[in-house]
């Protein structure tokens, strides 16, 4: 799914997703030759859960 679709699925802004990528909190499944990210929402949720556990 696109970054915008991921943001909607997670209930956050597109900018938040981009900040998370830039901070290294999540990584896209695919980056197109044009630089667009594609995501698996289940995998992103797992990445965020893992990050939350590390922060505790």
N, C-alpha and C. Protein backbone atom coordinates (compact mmCIF):
# COMPACT_ATOMS: atom_id res chain seq x y z
N UNK A 1 0.84 -1.17 0.00
CA UNK A 1 0.00 0.00 0.00
C UNK A 1 0.89 1.24 0.00
N UNK A 2 0.33 2.35 -0.39
CA UNK A 2 1.08 3.61 -0.45
C UNK A 2 1.27 4.19 0.95
N UNK A 3 2.11 5.20 1.06
CA UNK A 3 2.34 5.85 2.35
C UNK A 3 1.06 6.51 2.86
N UNK A 4 0.30 7.13 1.98
CA UNK A 4 -0.96 7.75 2.38
C UNK A 4 -1.95 6.72 2.90
N UNK A 5 -2.04 5.59 2.22
CA UNK A 5 -2.94 4.52 2.66
C UNK A 5 -2.49 3.95 4.00
N UNK A 6 -1.18 3.80 4.19
CA UNK A 6 -0.66 3.32 5.47
C UNK A 6 -1.03 4.29 6.58
N UNK A 7 -0.84 5.56 6.33
CA UNK A 7 -1.18 6.57 7.34
C UNK A 7 -2.65 6.46 7.75
N UNK A 8 -3.52 6.32 6.77
CA UNK A 8 -4.95 6.18 7.06
C UNK A 8 -5.22 4.93 7.89
N UNK A 9 -4.57 3.82 7.52
CA UNK A 9 -4.77 2.56 8.24
C UNK A 9 -4.31 2.65 9.69
N UNK A 10 -3.28 3.44 9.93
CA UNK A 10 -2.73 3.58 11.28
C UNK A 10 -3.38 4.73 12.06
N UNK A 11 -4.15 5.56 11.36
CA UNK A 11 -4.80 6.68 12.02
C UNK A 11 -3.85 7.83 12.35
N UNK A 12 -2.83 8.01 11.51
CA UNK A 12 -1.86 9.08 11.70
C UNK A 12 -1.73 9.86 10.41
N UNK A 13 -0.98 10.94 10.45
CA UNK A 13 -0.77 11.74 9.24
C UNK A 13 0.31 11.10 8.37
N UNK A 14 0.29 11.46 7.10
CA UNK A 14 1.34 11.00 6.17
C UNK A 14 2.69 11.51 6.65
N UNK A 15 2.71 12.74 7.17
CA UNK A 15 3.95 13.32 7.68
C UNK A 15 4.53 12.51 8.83
N UNK A 16 3.66 11.96 9.68
CA UNK A 16 4.14 11.13 10.79
C UNK A 16 4.85 9.89 10.26
N UNK A 17 4.27 9.27 9.24
CA UNK A 17 4.90 8.08 8.66
C UNK A 17 6.27 8.45 8.09
N UNK A 18 6.35 9.55 7.41
CA UNK A 18 7.62 9.98 6.82
C UNK A 18 8.65 10.28 7.91
N UNK A 19 8.22 10.90 9.01
CA UNK A 19 9.14 11.16 10.13
C UNK A 19 9.65 9.85 10.71
N UNK A 20 8.77 8.86 10.84
CA UNK A 20 9.18 7.55 11.38
C UNK A 20 10.22 6.89 10.48
N UNK A 21 10.03 7.02 9.16
CA UNK A 21 11.01 6.46 8.22
C UNK A 21 12.35 7.17 8.40
N UNK A 22 12.31 8.49 8.42
CA UNK A 22 13.55 9.28 8.56
C UNK A 22 14.26 9.01 9.87
N UNK A 23 13.50 8.68 10.92
CA UNK A 23 14.09 8.38 12.23
C UNK A 23 14.55 6.93 12.34
N UNK A 24 14.26 6.12 11.30
CA UNK A 24 14.67 4.72 11.32
C UNK A 24 13.76 3.82 12.14
N UNK A 25 12.56 4.30 12.50
CA UNK A 25 11.65 3.49 13.30
C UNK A 25 10.93 2.43 12.49
N UNK A 26 10.69 2.71 11.21
CA UNK A 26 10.05 1.75 10.31
C UNK A 26 10.78 1.77 8.98
N UNK A 27 10.70 0.65 8.26
CA UNK A 27 11.31 0.58 6.94
C UNK A 27 10.28 0.06 5.96
N UNK A 28 10.25 0.62 4.75
CA UNK A 28 9.29 0.17 3.75
C UNK A 28 9.63 -1.21 3.22
N UNK A 29 8.61 -1.90 2.72
CA UNK A 29 8.84 -3.20 2.08
C UNK A 29 9.51 -3.02 0.73
N UNK A 30 9.10 -1.98 0.03
CA UNK A 30 9.64 -1.69 -1.31
C UNK A 30 9.76 -0.19 -1.47
N UNK A 31 10.80 0.25 -2.13
CA UNK A 31 10.90 1.64 -2.58
C UNK A 31 11.01 1.59 -4.09
N UNK A 32 10.08 2.26 -4.76
CA UNK A 32 10.04 2.24 -6.21
C UNK A 32 11.22 3.03 -6.77
N UNK A 33 11.53 2.84 -8.07
CA UNK A 33 12.60 3.63 -8.68
C UNK A 33 12.36 5.14 -8.56
N UNK A 34 11.10 5.53 -8.46
CA UNK A 34 10.77 6.94 -8.31
C UNK A 34 10.85 7.44 -6.87
N UNK A 35 11.21 6.54 -5.92
CA UNK A 35 11.38 6.93 -4.54
C UNK A 35 10.14 6.82 -3.67
N UNK A 36 9.08 6.20 -4.20
CA UNK A 36 7.85 6.03 -3.43
C UNK A 36 7.93 4.72 -2.64
N UNK A 37 7.48 4.79 -1.39
CA UNK A 37 7.50 3.61 -0.54
C UNK A 37 6.20 2.82 -0.66
N UNK A 38 6.32 1.52 -0.51
CA UNK A 38 5.17 0.61 -0.44
C UNK A 38 5.28 -0.18 0.85
N UNK A 39 4.12 -0.41 1.46
CA UNK A 39 4.09 -0.92 2.83
C UNK A 39 3.16 -2.11 2.99
N UNK A 40 3.51 -2.96 3.96
CA UNK A 40 2.64 -4.02 4.46
C UNK A 40 2.25 -3.56 5.86
N UNK A 41 0.99 -3.19 6.06
CA UNK A 41 0.57 -2.59 7.33
C UNK A 41 0.82 -3.53 8.52
N UNK A 42 0.68 -4.82 8.32
CA UNK A 42 0.94 -5.77 9.41
C UNK A 42 2.40 -5.69 9.85
N UNK A 43 3.30 -5.64 8.89
CA UNK A 43 4.73 -5.58 9.21
C UNK A 43 5.08 -4.26 9.90
N UNK A 44 4.46 -3.17 9.47
CA UNK A 44 4.72 -1.87 10.11
C UNK A 44 4.23 -1.89 11.56
N UNK A 45 3.06 -2.46 11.78
CA UNK A 45 2.55 -2.55 13.16
C UNK A 45 3.52 -3.35 14.03
N UNK A 46 4.08 -4.43 13.48
CA UNK A 46 5.06 -5.23 14.22
C UNK A 46 6.31 -4.41 14.53
N UNK A 47 6.76 -3.62 13.56
CA UNK A 47 7.94 -2.78 13.78
C UNK A 47 7.66 -1.76 14.88
N UNK A 48 6.48 -1.16 14.86
CA UNK A 48 6.14 -0.16 15.88
C UNK A 48 6.00 -0.81 17.26
N UNK A 49 5.40 -2.00 17.32
CA UNK A 49 5.30 -2.72 18.59
C UNK A 49 6.68 -3.02 19.15
N UNK A 50 7.57 -3.47 18.29
CA UNK A 50 8.94 -3.77 18.72
C UNK A 50 9.65 -2.52 19.22
N UNK A 51 9.41 -1.41 18.58
CA UNK A 51 10.01 -0.14 19.01
C UNK A 51 9.47 0.26 20.37
N UNK A 52 8.18 0.08 20.57
CA UNK A 52 7.54 0.45 21.84
C UNK A 52 8.13 -0.40 22.98
N UNK A 53 8.36 -1.69 22.72
CA UNK A 53 8.92 -2.57 23.74
C UNK A 53 10.35 -2.15 24.11
N UNK A 54 11.11 -1.71 23.11
CA UNK A 54 12.47 -1.26 23.37
C UNK A 54 12.49 0.01 24.22
N UNK A 55 11.46 0.85 24.05
CA UNK A 55 11.39 2.11 24.78
C UNK A 55 10.97 1.94 26.22
N UNK A 56 10.42 0.77 26.57
CA UNK A 56 9.93 0.56 27.95
C UNK A 56 11.05 0.27 28.90
